[in-house]
Amino acid sequence: MVECQLSIHNFEEIRRYITKTLSKIELLRPESSHLTLRLLTRNGQPCGVYFCLHGPRNVRLTAIWETDANTILFYGSRGERVQKTRLLEAPTLEVQAITSWSSAA
């Protein structure tokens, strides 16, 4: 499993980084895939975001941004964890930005 560290400043950078990284796992074109996301909550409070990249042939790759641990966990099409990225500087979880992005997609 690959482990790395990264500094990200806003939600759009996280979304682009996740799309690019998931695409590399299965050699997909980011522009040919559709990204969906879902806000994760614990005890009614936001705690992260679930990302799913839908590729051709029903390929699905996922990532979870854990805001409490300040990490992004990447999973391959068979559900195995393939990468962990520790965020050195991460933006705060803005629920409004996430819900507006997911409704626009």
Protein backbone atom coordinates (compact mmCIF):
# COMPACT_ATOMS: atom_id res chain seq x y z
CA MET A 1 0.00 0.00 0.00
CA VAL A 2 1.25 3.45 -0.94
CA GLU A 3 1.47 6.08 1.81
CA CYS A 4 2.13 9.75 1.20
CA GLN A 5 1.63 13.23 2.64
CA LEU A 6 0.07 16.24 0.96
CA SER A 7 -1.06 19.77 1.71
CA ILE A 8 -4.48 20.67 0.28
CA HIS A 9 -6.19 24.02 0.71
CA ASN A 10 -9.83 23.62 -0.38
CA PHE A 11 -12.50 21.07 -1.22
CA GLU A 12 -12.04 21.46 -4.99
CA GLU A 13 -8.35 20.47 -4.63
CA ILE A 14 -9.37 17.39 -2.64
CA ARG A 15 -11.94 16.43 -5.30
CA ARG A 16 -9.39 16.83 -8.13
CA TYR A 17 -6.69 14.91 -6.22
CA ILE A 18 -9.08 12.05 -5.47
CA THR A 19 -10.34 11.88 -9.08
CA LYS A 20 -6.77 11.85 -10.45
CA THR A 21 -5.53 9.26 -7.95
CA LEU A 22 -8.49 6.90 -8.40
CA SER A 23 -8.17 7.18 -12.19
CA LYS A 24 -4.51 6.12 -12.02
CA ILE A 25 -5.36 2.98 -10.06
CA GLU A 26 -7.29 1.42 -12.97
CA LEU A 27 -5.75 3.53 -15.77
CA LEU A 28 -9.01 5.40 -16.39
CA ARG A 29 -9.44 8.77 -18.05
CA PRO A 30 -10.77 11.21 -15.43
CA GLU A 31 -12.92 12.93 -18.05
CA SER A 32 -14.54 9.60 -19.00
CA SER A 33 -15.56 8.76 -15.45
CA HIS A 34 -18.30 10.09 -13.21
CA LEU A 35 -17.58 11.02 -9.58
CA THR A 36 -20.27 10.85 -6.92
CA LEU A 37 -19.91 11.73 -3.28
CA ARG A 38 -21.76 11.43 -0.02
CA LEU A 39 -21.33 13.23 3.27
CA LEU A 40 -20.48 10.89 6.15
CA THR A 41 -21.79 11.59 9.64
CA ARG A 42 -21.19 10.22 13.12
CA ASN A 43 -23.74 10.97 15.84
CA GLY A 44 -25.37 13.46 13.49
CA GLN A 45 -22.13 15.43 12.92
CA PRO A 46 -20.16 15.50 9.62
CA CYS A 47 -16.98 13.43 9.88
CA GLY A 48 -15.91 12.82 6.29
CA VAL A 49 -16.80 12.38 2.65
CA TYR A 50 -17.22 9.18 0.62
CA PHE A 51 -16.15 9.48 -3.04
CA CYS A 52 -16.96 6.92 -5.76
CA LEU A 53 -15.50 7.08 -9.26
CA HIS A 54 -17.69 5.22 -11.76
CA GLY A 55 -15.71 4.03 -14.77
CA PRO A 56 -16.47 1.88 -17.81
CA ARG A 57 -17.47 -1.77 -17.40
CA ASN A 58 -19.11 -0.98 -14.03
CA VAL A 59 -15.70 -0.31 -12.47
CA ARG A 60 -16.08 1.51 -9.16
CA LEU A 61 -13.19 2.94 -7.18
CA THR A 62 -13.70 4.65 -3.84
CA ALA A 63 -11.99 7.01 -1.44
CA ILE A 64 -12.89 8.25 2.01
CA TRP A 65 -11.73 11.58 3.37
CA GLU A 66 -11.65 11.13 7.15
CA THR A 67 -11.70 14.63 8.54
CA ASP A 68 -11.06 13.51 12.15
CA ALA A 69 -7.87 11.64 11.19
CA ASN A 70 -7.00 14.11 8.42
CA THR A 71 -6.44 11.29 5.91
CA ILE A 72 -7.76 10.08 2.57
CA LEU A 73 -8.07 6.31 2.15
CA PHE A 74 -8.20 4.93 -1.42
CA TYR A 75 -9.75 1.58 -2.37
CA GLY A 76 -9.40 -0.39 -5.60
CA SER A 77 -12.17 -2.01 -7.61
CA ARG A 78 -11.99 -5.18 -5.45
CA GLY A 79 -12.33 -3.22 -2.22
CA GLU A 80 -8.70 -3.47 -1.14
CA ARG A 81 -7.01 -0.41 0.33
CA VAL A 82 -4.34 0.72 -2.11
CA GLN A 83 -3.24 4.11 -0.79
CA LYS A 84 -3.36 6.31 2.27
CA THR A 85 -2.68 10.04 2.04
CA ARG A 86 -2.12 12.04 5.20
CA LEU A 87 -3.15 15.66 4.79
CA LEU A 88 -0.62 18.04 6.30
CA GLU A 89 -2.94 20.98 5.82
CA ALA A 90 -6.55 20.19 5.12
CA PRO A 91 -9.51 22.48 4.71
CA THR A 92 -12.39 22.34 7.12
CA LEU A 93 -15.31 20.22 6.05
CA GLU A 94 -17.81 22.63 4.49
CA VAL A 95 -21.12 20.78 4.30
CA GLN A 96 -22.70 23.42 2.04
CA ALA A 97 -19.93 23.11 -0.57
CA ILE A 98 -20.24 19.33 -0.61
CA THR A 99 -24.02 19.24 -0.89
CA SER A 100 -24.05 21.89 -3.61
CA TRP A 101 -21.32 20.09 -5.60
CA SER A 102 -23.06 16.71 -5.34
CA SER A 103 -26.42 18.13 -6.41
CA ALA A 104 -24.82 19.88 -9.41
CA ALA A 105 -23.02 16.74 -10.63
